[in-house]
Amino acid sequence: MDTHDVLKTITTITGLMVALSPCLQIRRMFVTGTSDDVSIGYFLLLIVGLCMWVIYGLSNDDVVLWTCNAVGAAVAITTVGVAIRLRRLAARATGEGPARPAS
């Protein structure tokens, strides 16, 4: 195994660790039951950036680059989804959600 292969392996592992790091935020939201301390705007910007890296990696046939960023985008999208769901549940519980028609 030459230096390039070692670096590629280390980069892949590190990239996947970074891509999976929002899982810690998802875990925190489930533990606390709230997403009040999560910036959805931040994650939306992150998703845009990650998707651009996926496109760039695909255009250069760089499997490590696009794979790690695709995983990161998927985890960031999941984070936003969990945050929105928790906020909607909290709004319903406090009666702050959108008005529902009488049934």
N, C-alpha and C. Protein backbone atom coordinates (compact mmCIF):
# COMPACT_ATOMS: atom_id res chain seq x y z
N MET A 1 0.85 -1.18 0.00
CA MET A 1 0.00 0.00 0.00
C MET A 1 0.89 1.23 0.00
N ASP A 2 0.71 2.08 -1.01
CA ASP A 2 1.55 3.28 -1.09
C ASP A 2 0.92 4.45 -0.34
N THR A 3 1.63 5.54 -0.29
CA THR A 3 1.19 6.71 0.47
C THR A 3 -0.16 7.23 -0.01
N HIS A 4 -0.38 7.23 -1.31
CA HIS A 4 -1.65 7.71 -1.87
C HIS A 4 -2.81 6.85 -1.37
N ASP A 5 -2.64 5.54 -1.34
CA ASP A 5 -3.70 4.66 -0.87
C ASP A 5 -3.99 4.86 0.61
N VAL A 6 -2.94 5.07 1.40
CA VAL A 6 -3.11 5.32 2.83
C VAL A 6 -3.87 6.62 3.04
N LEU A 7 -3.48 7.66 2.31
CA LEU A 7 -4.14 8.95 2.42
C LEU A 7 -5.60 8.85 1.97
N LYS A 8 -5.86 8.11 0.93
CA LYS A 8 -7.23 7.94 0.44
C LYS A 8 -8.09 7.22 1.48
N THR A 9 -7.54 6.23 2.15
CA THR A 9 -8.27 5.51 3.19
C THR A 9 -8.55 6.41 4.38
N ILE A 10 -7.55 7.14 4.82
CA ILE A 10 -7.72 8.05 5.96
C ILE A 10 -8.73 9.14 5.61
N THR A 11 -8.65 9.68 4.40
CA THR A 11 -9.58 10.71 3.97
C THR A 11 -11.00 10.19 3.91
N THR A 12 -11.18 8.98 3.45
CA THR A 12 -12.52 8.38 3.38
C THR A 12 -13.11 8.21 4.78
N ILE A 13 -12.32 7.68 5.69
CA ILE A 13 -12.79 7.47 7.06
C ILE A 13 -13.13 8.81 7.70
N THR A 14 -12.25 9.78 7.56
CA THR A 14 -12.49 11.11 8.13
C THR A 14 -13.71 11.76 7.50
N GLY A 15 -13.84 11.66 6.19
CA GLY A 15 -14.99 12.24 5.50
C GLY A 15 -16.30 11.64 5.97
N LEU A 16 -16.32 10.34 6.18
CA LEU A 16 -17.54 9.69 6.66
C LEU A 16 -17.84 10.08 8.11
N MET A 17 -16.81 10.25 8.91
CA MET A 17 -17.03 10.69 10.30
C MET A 17 -17.65 12.09 10.31
N VAL A 18 -17.14 12.97 9.48
CA VAL A 18 -17.70 14.32 9.38
C VAL A 18 -19.13 14.26 8.85
N ALA A 19 -19.36 13.41 7.85
CA ALA A 19 -20.69 13.29 7.25
C ALA A 19 -21.71 12.78 8.26
N LEU A 20 -21.28 11.92 9.15
CA LEU A 20 -22.19 11.34 10.14
C LEU A 20 -22.32 12.17 11.42
N SER A 21 -21.52 13.21 11.55
CA SER A 21 -21.53 14.00 12.79
C SER A 21 -22.88 14.63 13.13
N PRO A 22 -23.72 15.02 12.16
CA PRO A 22 -25.04 15.53 12.56
C PRO A 22 -25.91 14.48 13.27
N CYS A 23 -25.54 13.22 13.21
CA CYS A 23 -26.28 12.20 13.96
C CYS A 23 -26.25 12.52 15.45
N LEU A 24 -25.20 13.17 15.91
CA LEU A 24 -25.13 13.59 17.31
C LEU A 24 -26.23 14.60 17.62
N GLN A 25 -26.51 15.48 16.67
CA GLN A 25 -27.58 16.46 16.86
C GLN A 25 -28.94 15.77 16.86
N ILE A 26 -29.11 14.81 15.97
CA ILE A 26 -30.37 14.06 15.93
C ILE A 26 -30.57 13.34 17.25
N ARG A 27 -29.53 12.72 17.76
CA ARG A 27 -29.61 12.02 19.05
C ARG A 27 -30.01 12.99 20.15
N ARG A 28 -29.39 14.15 20.16
CA ARG A 28 -29.70 15.15 21.18
C ARG A 28 -31.17 15.58 21.11
N MET A 29 -31.67 15.76 19.89
CA MET A 29 -33.07 16.15 19.74
C MET A 29 -34.00 15.08 20.31
N PHE A 30 -33.68 13.82 20.06
CA PHE A 30 -34.52 12.74 20.59
C PHE A 30 -34.42 12.66 22.11
N VAL A 31 -33.23 12.88 22.66
CA VAL A 31 -33.05 12.81 24.11
C VAL A 31 -33.79 13.96 24.80
N THR A 32 -33.66 15.17 24.26
CA THR A 32 -34.29 16.34 24.88
C THR A 32 -35.75 16.50 24.48
N GLY A 33 -36.12 15.91 23.36
CA GLY A 33 -37.49 16.04 22.87
C GLY A 33 -37.79 17.38 22.22
N THR A 34 -36.75 18.15 21.94
CA THR A 34 -36.95 19.46 21.33
C THR A 34 -35.86 19.73 20.29
N SER A 35 -36.20 20.59 19.35
CA SER A 35 -35.21 21.01 18.35
C SER A 35 -34.99 22.51 18.41
N ASP A 36 -35.34 23.10 19.54
CA ASP A 36 -35.24 24.56 19.69
C ASP A 36 -33.82 25.08 19.50
N ASP A 37 -32.81 24.29 19.84
CA ASP A 37 -31.43 24.76 19.74
C ASP A 37 -30.78 24.39 18.41
N VAL A 38 -31.58 23.96 17.44
CA VAL A 38 -31.06 23.58 16.13
C VAL A 38 -31.38 24.68 15.12
N SER A 39 -30.37 25.11 14.40
CA SER A 39 -30.57 26.11 13.36
C SER A 39 -30.87 25.39 12.04
N ILE A 40 -32.13 25.43 11.65
CA ILE A 40 -32.52 24.78 10.39
C ILE A 40 -31.88 25.51 9.21
N GLY A 41 -31.77 26.83 9.30
CA GLY A 41 -31.12 27.59 8.24
C GLY A 41 -29.70 27.14 7.99
N TYR A 42 -28.97 26.90 9.07
CA TYR A 42 -27.59 26.41 8.94
C TYR A 42 -27.56 25.10 8.17
N PHE A 43 -28.44 24.18 8.55
CA PHE A 43 -28.44 22.87 7.90
C PHE A 43 -28.88 22.98 6.44
N LEU A 44 -29.78 23.90 6.13
CA LEU A 44 -30.19 24.07 4.73
C LEU A 44 -29.03 24.57 3.88
N LEU A 45 -28.26 25.52 4.41
CA LEU A 45 -27.07 25.99 3.69
C LEU A 45 -26.03 24.88 3.56
N LEU A 46 -25.89 24.09 4.62
CA LEU A 46 -24.96 22.97 4.58
C LEU A 46 -25.36 21.97 3.50
N ILE A 47 -26.65 21.69 3.39
CA ILE A 47 -27.14 20.75 2.37
C ILE A 47 -26.81 21.25 0.97
N VAL A 48 -27.02 22.54 0.73
CA VAL A 48 -26.69 23.11 -0.58
C VAL A 48 -25.19 22.91 -0.88
N GLY A 49 -24.35 23.23 0.09
CA GLY A 49 -22.91 23.07 -0.10
C GLY A 49 -22.51 21.62 -0.33
N LEU A 50 -23.09 20.72 0.45
CA LEU A 50 -22.77 19.30 0.29
C LEU A 50 -23.20 18.78 -1.08
N CYS A 51 -24.36 19.23 -1.53
CA CYS A 51 -24.84 18.80 -2.85
C CYS A 51 -23.93 19.32 -3.96
N MET A 52 -23.41 20.52 -3.79
CA MET A 52 -22.45 21.05 -4.78
C MET A 52 -21.18 20.19 -4.81
N TRP A 53 -20.71 19.75 -3.64
CA TRP A 53 -19.54 18.88 -3.59
C TRP A 53 -19.83 17.53 -4.22
N VAL A 54 -21.05 17.03 -4.06
CA VAL A 54 -21.43 15.77 -4.71
C VAL A 54 -21.34 15.94 -6.22
N ILE A 55 -21.91 17.02 -6.73
CA ILE A 55 -21.87 17.28 -8.18
C ILE A 55 -20.44 17.40 -8.66
N TYR A 56 -19.62 18.14 -7.92
CA TYR A 56 -18.22 18.30 -8.29
C TYR A 56 -17.49 16.95 -8.27
N GLY A 57 -17.73 16.17 -7.23
CA GLY A 57 -17.09 14.85 -7.13
C GLY A 57 -17.51 13.93 -8.26
N LEU A 58 -18.78 13.96 -8.62
CA LEU A 58 -19.27 13.15 -9.73
C LEU A 58 -18.64 13.59 -11.05
N SER A 59 -18.50 14.90 -11.24
CA SER A 59 -17.93 15.41 -12.49
C SER A 59 -16.45 15.05 -12.64
N ASN A 60 -15.80 14.78 -11.51
CA ASN A 60 -14.37 14.41 -11.54
C ASN A 60 -14.14 12.93 -11.27
N ASP A 61 -15.22 12.16 -11.24
CA ASP A 61 -15.12 10.72 -10.93
C ASP A 61 -14.36 10.46 -9.63
N ASP A 62 -14.58 11.31 -8.64
CA ASP A 62 -13.93 11.16 -7.34
C ASP A 62 -14.93 10.51 -6.37
N VAL A 63 -14.82 9.21 -6.27
CA VAL A 63 -15.77 8.43 -5.48
C VAL A 63 -15.75 8.85 -4.01
N VAL A 64 -14.58 9.06 -3.46
CA VAL A 64 -14.48 9.44 -2.06
C VAL A 64 -15.19 10.78 -1.82
N LEU A 65 -14.95 11.74 -2.68
CA LEU A 65 -15.53 13.07 -2.51
C LEU A 65 -17.05 13.04 -2.59
N TRP A 66 -17.58 12.43 -3.63
CA TRP A 66 -19.04 12.47 -3.77
C TRP A 66 -19.74 11.56 -2.78
N THR A 67 -19.13 10.43 -2.43
CA THR A 67 -19.77 9.52 -1.49
C THR A 67 -19.88 10.14 -0.10
N CYS A 68 -18.79 10.67 0.40
CA CYS A 68 -18.80 11.28 1.74
C CYS A 68 -19.78 12.44 1.80
N ASN A 69 -19.82 13.25 0.77
CA ASN A 69 -20.71 14.40 0.78
C ASN A 69 -22.16 13.99 0.56
N ALA A 70 -22.41 12.92 -0.18
CA ALA A 70 -23.78 12.42 -0.33
C ALA A 70 -24.30 11.89 1.01
N VAL A 71 -23.45 11.18 1.73
CA VAL A 71 -23.83 10.70 3.07
C VAL A 71 -24.11 11.91 3.98
N GLY A 72 -23.24 12.90 3.93
CA GLY A 72 -23.43 14.10 4.73
C GLY A 72 -24.73 14.82 4.40
N ALA A 73 -25.05 14.92 3.13
CA ALA A 73 -26.30 15.57 2.71
C ALA A 73 -27.50 14.79 3.22
N ALA A 74 -27.44 13.47 3.12
CA ALA A 74 -28.55 12.63 3.59
C ALA A 74 -28.76 12.79 5.09
N VAL A 75 -27.68 12.83 5.85
CA VAL A 75 -27.78 12.98 7.30
C VAL A 75 -28.28 14.39 7.64
N ALA A 76 -27.82 15.40 6.92
CA ALA A 76 -28.28 16.77 7.17
C ALA A 76 -29.77 16.92 6.84
N ILE A 77 -30.22 16.28 5.76
CA ILE A 77 -31.64 16.31 5.41
C ILE A 77 -32.45 15.61 6.50
N THR A 78 -31.95 14.51 7.01
CA THR A 78 -32.62 13.82 8.10
C THR A 78 -32.69 14.70 9.34
N THR A 79 -31.62 15.43 9.63
CA THR A 79 -31.59 16.33 10.78
C THR A 79 -32.67 17.40 10.65
N VAL A 80 -32.78 17.99 9.47
CA VAL A 80 -33.81 19.00 9.24
C VAL A 80 -35.20 18.39 9.39
N GLY A 81 -35.38 17.21 8.84
CA GLY A 81 -36.68 16.54 8.96
C GLY A 81 -37.08 16.28 10.40
N VAL A 82 -36.14 15.80 11.20
CA VAL A 82 -36.41 15.53 12.61
C VAL A 82 -36.72 16.84 13.34
N ALA A 83 -35.94 17.89 13.05
CA ALA A 83 -36.16 19.18 13.71
C ALA A 83 -37.54 19.74 13.37
N ILE A 84 -37.93 19.68 12.11
CA ILE A 84 -39.24 20.19 11.71
C ILE A 84 -40.34 19.37 12.36
N ARG A 85 -40.19 18.06 12.37
CA ARG A 85 -41.22 17.20 12.98
C ARG A 85 -41.39 17.52 14.46
N LEU A 86 -40.28 17.65 15.18
CA LEU A 86 -40.37 17.97 16.61
C LEU A 86 -41.01 19.33 16.85
N ARG A 87 -40.72 20.29 15.97
CA ARG A 87 -41.33 21.62 16.12
C ARG A 87 -42.83 21.57 15.86
N ARG A 88 -43.23 20.79 14.88
CA ARG A 88 -44.67 20.66 14.60
C ARG A 88 -45.38 19.96 15.75
N LEU A 89 -44.76 18.93 16.29
CA LEU A 89 -45.37 18.24 17.43
C LEU A 89 -45.49 19.17 18.63
N ALA A 90 -44.47 19.97 18.88
CA ALA A 90 -44.50 20.91 19.99
C ALA A 90 -45.58 21.97 19.77
N ALA A 91 -45.72 22.44 18.53
CA ALA A 91 -46.74 23.45 18.23
C ALA A 91 -48.14 22.88 18.42
N ARG A 92 -48.35 21.65 18.03
CA ARG A 92 -49.65 21.01 18.24
C ARG A 92 -49.95 20.83 19.72
N ALA A 93 -48.93 20.45 20.46
CA ALA A 93 -49.12 20.19 21.90
C ALA A 93 -49.46 21.47 22.65
N THR A 94 -48.96 22.60 22.18
CA THR A 94 -49.24 23.87 22.86
C THR A 94 -50.37 24.64 22.20
N GLY A 95 -50.94 24.09 21.14
CA GLY A 95 -52.03 24.76 20.45
C GLY A 95 -51.60 25.90 19.58
N GLU A 96 -50.30 25.98 19.26
CA GLU A 96 -49.79 27.07 18.45
C GLU A 96 -49.74 26.74 16.97
N GLY A 97 -50.14 25.53 16.62
CA GLY A 97 -50.10 25.12 15.22
C GLY A 97 -51.17 25.80 14.41
N PRO A 98 -51.19 25.54 13.11
CA PRO A 98 -52.20 26.15 12.25
C PRO A 98 -53.60 25.71 12.67
N ALA A 99 -54.54 26.60 12.47
CA ALA A 99 -55.92 26.30 12.85
C ALA A 99 -56.43 25.13 12.03
N ARG A 100 -57.11 24.23 12.70
CA ARG A 100 -57.70 23.08 12.01
C ARG A 100 -59.19 23.31 11.82
N PRO A 101 -59.71 22.90 10.68
CA PRO A 101 -61.15 23.04 10.51
C PRO A 101 -61.88 22.11 11.46
N ALA A 102 -63.05 22.53 11.89
CA ALA A 102 -63.86 21.69 12.78
C ALA A 102 -64.27 20.44 12.04
N SER A 103 -64.22 19.31 12.76
CA SER A 103 -64.60 18.07 12.09
C SER A 103 -65.93 17.56 12.60
